[in-house]
Amino acid sequence: MANEHGHLPKADQLTDDQQRRLDTWTDKAYADDNLFRTLANNDRVLEMFLDWVGVMYGRKSELDPRMVELCRIRMANLNECFH
């Protein structure tokens, strides 16, 4: 579903490293590759996001994981994201 800004383009071709990381993403997170392929359009953006995911979901953060998940769900709801 698009918002007033429309859809962002997804990367059609992935580098070998990006494909390896997508395989890990699929194995550890979920099979929907929309977010990953959208961020893969810019290597630095993808890297920053995956670093953030590693901190938030890799138990390196001092934030309560339940609170992080509640925030993620709330942000998705506010942005009409149905993932």
C-alpha atoms as a PDB file:
ATOM      1  CA  MET A   1       0.000   0.000   0.000  1.00  0.00           C
ATOM      2  CA  ALA A   2       1.424   3.389  -0.971  1.00  0.00           C
ATOM      3  CA  ASN A   3       1.147   6.538   1.073  1.00  0.00           C
ATOM      4  CA  GLU A   4       1.069  10.105  -0.290  1.00  0.00           C
ATOM      5  CA  HIS A   5       4.778   9.738  -1.106  1.00  0.00           C
ATOM      6  CA  GLY A   6       4.267   6.643  -3.261  1.00  0.00           C
ATOM      7  CA  HIS A   7       6.428   3.550  -3.337  1.00  0.00           C
ATOM      8  CA  LEU A   8      10.201   3.635  -3.042  1.00  0.00           C
ATOM      9  CA  PRO A   9      12.102   1.636  -5.672  1.00  0.00           C
ATOM     10  CA  LYS A  10      13.588  -1.717  -4.756  1.00  0.00           C
ATOM     11  CA  ALA A  11      17.030  -2.909  -5.865  1.00  0.00           C
ATOM     12  CA  ASP A  12      16.677  -5.387  -8.726  1.00  0.00           C
ATOM     13  CA  GLN A  13      20.230  -6.686  -8.583  1.00  0.00           C
ATOM     14  CA  LEU A  14      22.088  -7.449  -5.363  1.00  0.00           C
ATOM     15  CA  THR A  15      25.827  -7.790  -4.913  1.00  0.00           C
ATOM     16  CA  ASP A  16      27.115 -11.110  -3.593  1.00  0.00           C
ATOM     17  CA  ASP A  17      27.533  -9.528  -0.154  1.00  0.00           C
ATOM     18  CA  GLN A  18      24.015  -8.081  -0.219  1.00  0.00           C
ATOM     19  CA  GLN A  19      22.602 -11.455  -1.288  1.00  0.00           C
ATOM     20  CA  ARG A  20      24.438 -13.165   1.584  1.00  0.00           C
ATOM     21  CA  ARG A  21      23.028 -10.604   3.997  1.00  0.00           C
ATOM     22  CA  LEU A  22      19.544 -10.978   2.525  1.00  0.00           C
ATOM     23  CA  ASP A  23      19.797 -14.746   3.051  1.00  0.00           C
ATOM     24  CA  THR A  24      20.671 -14.100   6.707  1.00  0.00           C
ATOM     25  CA  TRP A  25      17.821 -11.565   6.952  1.00  0.00           C
ATOM     26  CA  THR A  26      15.386 -14.130   5.542  1.00  0.00           C
ATOM     27  CA  ASP A  27      16.653 -16.814   7.919  1.00  0.00           C
ATOM     28  CA  LYS A  28      16.670 -14.673  11.080  1.00  0.00           C
ATOM     29  CA  ALA A  29      13.966 -12.064  10.458  1.00  0.00           C
ATOM     30  CA  TYR A  30      11.342 -12.768   7.821  1.00  0.00           C
ATOM     31  CA  ALA A  31      10.957 -13.767   4.192  1.00  0.00           C
ATOM     32  CA  ASP A  32       9.546 -10.458   2.936  1.00  0.00           C
ATOM     33  CA  ASP A  33      12.463  -8.723   1.214  1.00  0.00           C
ATOM     34  CA  ASN A  34      10.738  -5.382   0.458  1.00  0.00           C
ATOM     35  CA  LEU A  35      12.468  -3.389   3.200  1.00  0.00           C
ATOM     36  CA  PHE A  36      15.866  -4.964   2.575  1.00  0.00           C
ATOM     37  CA  ARG A  37      15.738  -4.408  -1.201  1.00  0.00           C
ATOM     38  CA  THR A  38      14.529  -0.827  -0.754  1.00  0.00           C
ATOM     39  CA  LEU A  39      17.425  -0.034   1.580  1.00  0.00           C
ATOM     40  CA  ALA A  40      19.851  -1.909  -0.699  1.00  0.00           C
ATOM     41  CA  ASN A  41      19.588   0.934  -3.205  1.00  0.00           C
ATOM     42  CA  ASN A  42      22.135   2.739  -1.023  1.00  0.00           C
ATOM     43  CA  ASP A  43      24.935   0.698   0.565  1.00  0.00           C
ATOM     44  CA  ARG A  44      25.466   3.136   3.441  1.00  0.00           C
ATOM     45  CA  VAL A  45      21.778   3.278   4.340  1.00  0.00           C
ATOM     46  CA  LEU A  46      21.577  -0.519   4.292  1.00  0.00           C
ATOM     47  CA  GLU A  47      24.704  -0.767   6.457  1.00  0.00           C
ATOM     48  CA  MET A  48      23.367   1.727   9.022  1.00  0.00           C
ATOM     49  CA  PHE A  49      20.032  -0.077   9.194  1.00  0.00           C
ATOM     50  CA  LEU A  50      21.607  -3.507   9.629  1.00  0.00           C
ATOM     51  CA  ASP A  51      23.928  -2.102  12.323  1.00  0.00           C
ATOM     52  CA  TRP A  52      20.873  -0.715  14.117  1.00  0.00           C
ATOM     53  CA  VAL A  53      19.054  -4.049  13.801  1.00  0.00           C
ATOM     54  CA  GLY A  54      22.108  -5.807  15.240  1.00  0.00           C
ATOM     55  CA  VAL A  55      22.087  -3.543  18.275  1.00  0.00           C
ATOM     56  CA  MET A  56      18.334  -3.570  18.838  1.00  0.00           C
ATOM     57  CA  TYR A  57      17.672  -7.254  18.264  1.00  0.00           C
ATOM     58  CA  GLY A  58      21.108  -8.712  19.063  1.00  0.00           C
ATOM     59  CA  ARG A  59      20.723  -8.075  22.795  1.00  0.00           C
ATOM     60  CA  LYS A  60      23.433  -5.380  22.664  1.00  0.00           C
ATOM     61  CA  SER A  61      20.997  -2.618  23.551  1.00  0.00           C
ATOM     62  CA  GLU A  62      20.147  -1.712  27.118  1.00  0.00           C
ATOM     63  CA  LEU A  63      16.561  -1.084  26.034  1.00  0.00           C
ATOM     64  CA  ASP A  64      13.967  -3.642  27.015  1.00  0.00           C
ATOM     65  CA  PRO A  65      13.373  -5.845  23.921  1.00  0.00           C
ATOM     66  CA  ARG A  66       9.636  -5.787  24.617  1.00  0.00           C
ATOM     67  CA  MET A  67       9.636  -1.989  24.514  1.00  0.00           C
ATOM     68  CA  VAL A  68      11.581  -2.009  21.237  1.00  0.00           C
ATOM     69  CA  GLU A  69       8.989  -4.366  19.728  1.00  0.00           C
ATOM     70  CA  LEU A  70       6.096  -2.234  20.960  1.00  0.00           C
ATOM     71  CA  CYS A  71       7.715   0.846  19.390  1.00  0.00           C
ATOM     72  CA  ARG A  72       8.245  -1.034  16.120  1.00  0.00           C
ATOM     73  CA  ILE A  73       4.610  -2.102  16.025  1.00  0.00           C
ATOM     74  CA  ARG A  74       3.399   1.416  16.868  1.00  0.00           C
ATOM     75  CA  MET A  75       5.576   3.007  14.156  1.00  0.00           C
ATOM     76  CA  ALA A  76       4.310   0.488  11.604  1.00  0.00           C
ATOM     77  CA  ASN A  77       0.744   1.248  12.604  1.00  0.00           C
ATOM     78  CA  LEU A  78       1.233   5.014  12.367  1.00  0.00           C
ATOM     79  CA  ASN A  79       2.824   4.638   8.935  1.00  0.00           C
ATOM     80  CA  GLU A  80       0.121   2.232   7.735  1.00  0.00           C
ATOM     81  CA  CYS A  81       2.698  -0.509   7.277  1.00  0.00           C
ATOM     82  CA  PHE A  82       1.162  -3.937   7.541  1.00  0.00           C
ATOM     83  CA  HIS A  83       4.283  -6.050   8.101  1.00  0.00           C
END
